[in-house]
Amino acid sequence: MNARFGIAGLAWIAFCVAMAGCNDGKTTREVSVANLGNSEHGRQLISNYGCGACHMIPGVRGARGKVGPPLLNLSQRTMIAGELPNTPPNLTRWIQHPREVEPKTAMPELGVTQDEANDIAAYLYTLRGREGTSWID
């Protein structure tokens, strides 16, 4: 009986982890930012590409746009653009080629390289809704 409970318990834990439902309804993607890209360079690229004209982005000067969604808590979102599961490869794909994912999106193709998309994604995955996250004007 205990063996069955142990196996059933492990199966339940695996199911909860797979469905991201065992943490009080909050989904957090733990992404190794260092393995993805250079987050500081990503922040600079976000500024250089003018992403803040459409998005509110903590830590990026003047990034107060209201066309696209605010990008705080991106790591806790389940989906990207309502189309793709929130994974690093999908986020970099979205950053590089948003119209391949969602043809009617307002997000433009900016000519972002793979390395730049990795760095931008690394920065976006550092944005968590916690005390100390600052908006820079």
Foldseek 3Di string as FASTA:
>chain_A
DVVVVVVVVVVVVVVCVVVVNPPPPWAAADDPLVVQAAQVVLLVVCQVLVVLCAEQEFPRANSPHPNDYHLAAVRRDQADPVFHGDDLVVQLCCQQCVCVRPVPDPDDRRNQDSRSSSNNVSNSSVRYPDPPGHHHD
